[in-house]
Amino acid sequence: MLDDDLDDLLDVQPSERERVKAEHELAHKAASHPVRRQLIRAIGAFGATKSELLESTELDEKVFKYHTEFLINGEFLNIIEDKYSLTGRGIELLDCI
C-alpha cells in the first residue's frame, strides 16, 4: 500500500448513516444520564445562569462542570454572556425528556 493510499483511507469521512447513528448515540447518552436530564430541564427554553443552575439542581461544582462540558461538546448547550442556553439540538432533547 502506498503512502497516498493510506492518506486517502485516513481522510475518509463517515457515511451519512454513520453520522446519523453517532448523533443518535450522543443524544441517547445525553438524555439517559439523570444529571444531564436535570440540567436540561433546569435550563429550559429560557436559559439560566450558573448560579441559578447550581442553586436549583444542588449539584457539586465539579459534577456541574463535567456534565455541562459534555452537553457543550455535544452541541446541546451554549454559554452566552454567563447564561447557559439550549441549542436547537438541546431544545429537541428537552422535548423528549
C-alpha atoms as a PDB file:
ATOM      1  CA  MET A   1       0.000   0.000   0.000  1.00  0.00           C
ATOM      2  CA  LEU A   2       1.387   3.387  -0.958  1.00  0.00           C
ATOM      3  CA  ASP A   3       1.519   6.357   1.384  1.00  0.00           C
ATOM      4  CA  ASP A   4      -1.049   8.159  -0.784  1.00  0.00           C
ATOM      5  CA  ASP A   5      -3.443   5.218  -0.438  1.00  0.00           C
ATOM      6  CA  LEU A   6      -3.014   5.244   3.326  1.00  0.00           C
ATOM      7  CA  ASP A   7      -3.633   9.000   3.440  1.00  0.00           C
ATOM      8  CA  ASP A   8      -6.817   8.514   1.399  1.00  0.00           C
ATOM      9  CA  LEU A   9      -8.040   5.863   3.838  1.00  0.00           C
ATOM     10  CA  LEU A  10      -7.356   8.105   6.825  1.00  0.00           C
ATOM     11  CA  ASP A  11      -9.140  11.068   5.220  1.00  0.00           C
ATOM     12  CA  VAL A  12     -12.378   9.167   4.580  1.00  0.00           C
ATOM     13  CA  GLN A  13     -15.361  10.877   6.182  1.00  0.00           C
ATOM     14  CA  PRO A  14     -18.080   8.822   7.873  1.00  0.00           C
ATOM     15  CA  SER A  15     -21.071   7.930   5.735  1.00  0.00           C
ATOM     16  CA  GLU A  16     -24.399   9.675   6.283  1.00  0.00           C
ATOM     17  CA  ARG A  17     -25.666   6.569   8.054  1.00  0.00           C
ATOM     18  CA  GLU A  18     -22.646   6.502  10.393  1.00  0.00           C
ATOM     19  CA  ARG A  19     -23.006  10.234  11.101  1.00  0.00           C
ATOM     20  CA  VAL A  20     -26.705   9.911  11.959  1.00  0.00           C
ATOM     21  CA  LYS A  21     -26.017   6.872  14.127  1.00  0.00           C
ATOM     22  CA  ALA A  22     -23.308   8.776  16.033  1.00  0.00           C
ATOM     23  CA  GLU A  23     -25.689  11.732  16.564  1.00  0.00           C
ATOM     24  CA  HIS A  24     -28.394   9.422  17.913  1.00  0.00           C
ATOM     25  CA  GLU A  25     -25.936   7.698  20.240  1.00  0.00           C
ATOM     26  CA  LEU A  26     -24.757  11.063  21.566  1.00  0.00           C
ATOM     27  CA  ALA A  27     -28.346  12.240  22.122  1.00  0.00           C
ATOM     28  CA  HIS A  28     -29.136   8.980  23.904  1.00  0.00           C
ATOM     29  CA  LYS A  29     -26.054   9.368  26.090  1.00  0.00           C
ATOM     30  CA  ALA A  30     -27.093  12.929  26.972  1.00  0.00           C
ATOM     31  CA  ALA A  31     -30.727  12.027  27.698  1.00  0.00           C
ATOM     32  CA  SER A  32     -30.057   8.806  29.579  1.00  0.00           C
ATOM     33  CA  HIS A  33     -27.995  10.377  32.366  1.00  0.00           C
ATOM     34  CA  PRO A  34     -30.134  11.742  35.246  1.00  0.00           C
ATOM     35  CA  VAL A  35     -27.831  14.714  35.959  1.00  0.00           C
ATOM     36  CA  ARG A  36     -27.854  15.784  32.312  1.00  0.00           C
ATOM     37  CA  ARG A  37     -31.641  15.479  32.161  1.00  0.00           C
ATOM     38  CA  GLN A  38     -31.857  17.572  35.330  1.00  0.00           C
ATOM     39  CA  LEU A  39     -29.618  20.260  33.812  1.00  0.00           C
ATOM     40  CA  ILE A  40     -31.506  20.323  30.511  1.00  0.00           C
ATOM     41  CA  ARG A  41     -34.826  20.734  32.335  1.00  0.00           C
ATOM     42  CA  ALA A  42     -33.412  23.423  34.644  1.00  0.00           C
ATOM     43  CA  ILE A  43     -32.032  25.418  31.707  1.00  0.00           C
ATOM     44  CA  GLY A  44     -35.274  25.031  29.787  1.00  0.00           C
ATOM     45  CA  ALA A  45     -36.290  27.222  26.879  1.00  0.00           C
ATOM     46  CA  PHE A  46     -35.263  30.480  28.564  1.00  0.00           C
ATOM     47  CA  GLY A  47     -31.782  29.610  29.862  1.00  0.00           C
ATOM     48  CA  ALA A  48     -30.222  30.170  33.274  1.00  0.00           C
ATOM     49  CA  THR A  49     -27.027  31.438  34.861  1.00  0.00           C
ATOM     50  CA  LYS A  50     -24.515  29.139  36.508  1.00  0.00           C
ATOM     51  CA  SER A  51     -25.517  30.307  39.985  1.00  0.00           C
ATOM     52  CA  GLU A  52     -29.213  29.713  39.223  1.00  0.00           C
ATOM     53  CA  LEU A  53     -28.439  26.223  37.957  1.00  0.00           C
ATOM     54  CA  LEU A  54     -26.216  25.325  40.900  1.00  0.00           C
ATOM     55  CA  GLU A  55     -28.907  26.512  43.304  1.00  0.00           C
ATOM     56  CA  SER A  56     -31.816  24.768  41.582  1.00  0.00           C
ATOM     57  CA  THR A  57     -30.005  21.472  40.940  1.00  0.00           C
ATOM     58  CA  GLU A  58     -27.920  21.405  44.141  1.00  0.00           C
ATOM     59  CA  LEU A  59     -25.030  19.891  42.168  1.00  0.00           C
ATOM     60  CA  ASP A  60     -21.402  19.961  43.224  1.00  0.00           C
ATOM     61  CA  GLU A  61     -19.292  22.366  41.093  1.00  0.00           C
ATOM     62  CA  LYS A  62     -17.155  19.533  39.677  1.00  0.00           C
ATOM     63  CA  VAL A  63     -20.185  17.447  38.721  1.00  0.00           C
ATOM     64  CA  PHE A  64     -21.808  20.543  37.194  1.00  0.00           C
ATOM     65  CA  LYS A  65     -18.682  21.330  35.157  1.00  0.00           C
ATOM     66  CA  TYR A  66     -18.280  17.749  33.903  1.00  0.00           C
ATOM     67  CA  HIS A  67     -21.856  17.438  32.661  1.00  0.00           C
ATOM     68  CA  THR A  68     -22.162  20.945  31.214  1.00  0.00           C
ATOM     69  CA  GLU A  69     -18.931  20.376  29.261  1.00  0.00           C
ATOM     70  CA  PHE A  70     -20.385  17.136  27.891  1.00  0.00           C
ATOM     71  CA  LEU A  71     -23.521  18.999  26.788  1.00  0.00           C
ATOM     72  CA  ILE A  72     -21.496  21.858  25.272  1.00  0.00           C
ATOM     73  CA  ASN A  73     -19.204  19.466  23.370  1.00  0.00           C
ATOM     74  CA  GLY A  74     -22.268  17.597  22.106  1.00  0.00           C
ATOM     75  CA  GLU A  75     -23.725  20.894  20.868  1.00  0.00           C
ATOM     76  CA  PHE A  76     -26.761  20.702  23.157  1.00  0.00           C
ATOM     77  CA  LEU A  77     -25.777  23.734  25.217  1.00  0.00           C
ATOM     78  CA  ASN A  78     -24.195  27.186  24.747  1.00  0.00           C
ATOM     79  CA  ILE A  79     -22.864  29.756  27.182  1.00  0.00           C
ATOM     80  CA  ILE A  80     -23.525  33.327  26.112  1.00  0.00           C
ATOM     81  CA  GLU A  81     -22.624  36.176  28.465  1.00  0.00           C
ATOM     82  CA  ASP A  82     -22.635  33.938  31.571  1.00  0.00           C
ATOM     83  CA  LYS A  83     -26.013  32.434  30.653  1.00  0.00           C
ATOM     84  CA  TYR A  84     -26.453  28.783  29.752  1.00  0.00           C
ATOM     85  CA  SER A  85     -28.951  28.213  26.956  1.00  0.00           C
ATOM     86  CA  LEU A  86     -30.022  25.202  24.938  1.00  0.00           C
ATOM     87  CA  THR A  87     -29.141  24.965  21.259  1.00  0.00           C
ATOM     88  CA  GLY A  88     -31.628  23.675  18.699  1.00  0.00           C
ATOM     89  CA  ARG A  89     -30.422  20.149  19.465  1.00  0.00           C
ATOM     90  CA  GLY A  90     -30.806  20.848  23.179  1.00  0.00           C
ATOM     91  CA  ILE A  91     -34.400  22.022  22.719  1.00  0.00           C
ATOM     92  CA  GLU A  92     -35.169  18.863  20.729  1.00  0.00           C
ATOM     93  CA  LEU A  93     -33.743  16.846  23.610  1.00  0.00           C
ATOM     94  CA  LEU A  94     -35.788  18.840  26.139  1.00  0.00           C
ATOM     95  CA  ASP A  95     -38.946  17.965  24.189  1.00  0.00           C
ATOM     96  CA  CYS A  96     -38.090  14.254  24.504  1.00  0.00           C
ATOM     97  CA  ILE A  97     -37.418  14.097  28.241  1.00  0.00           C
END
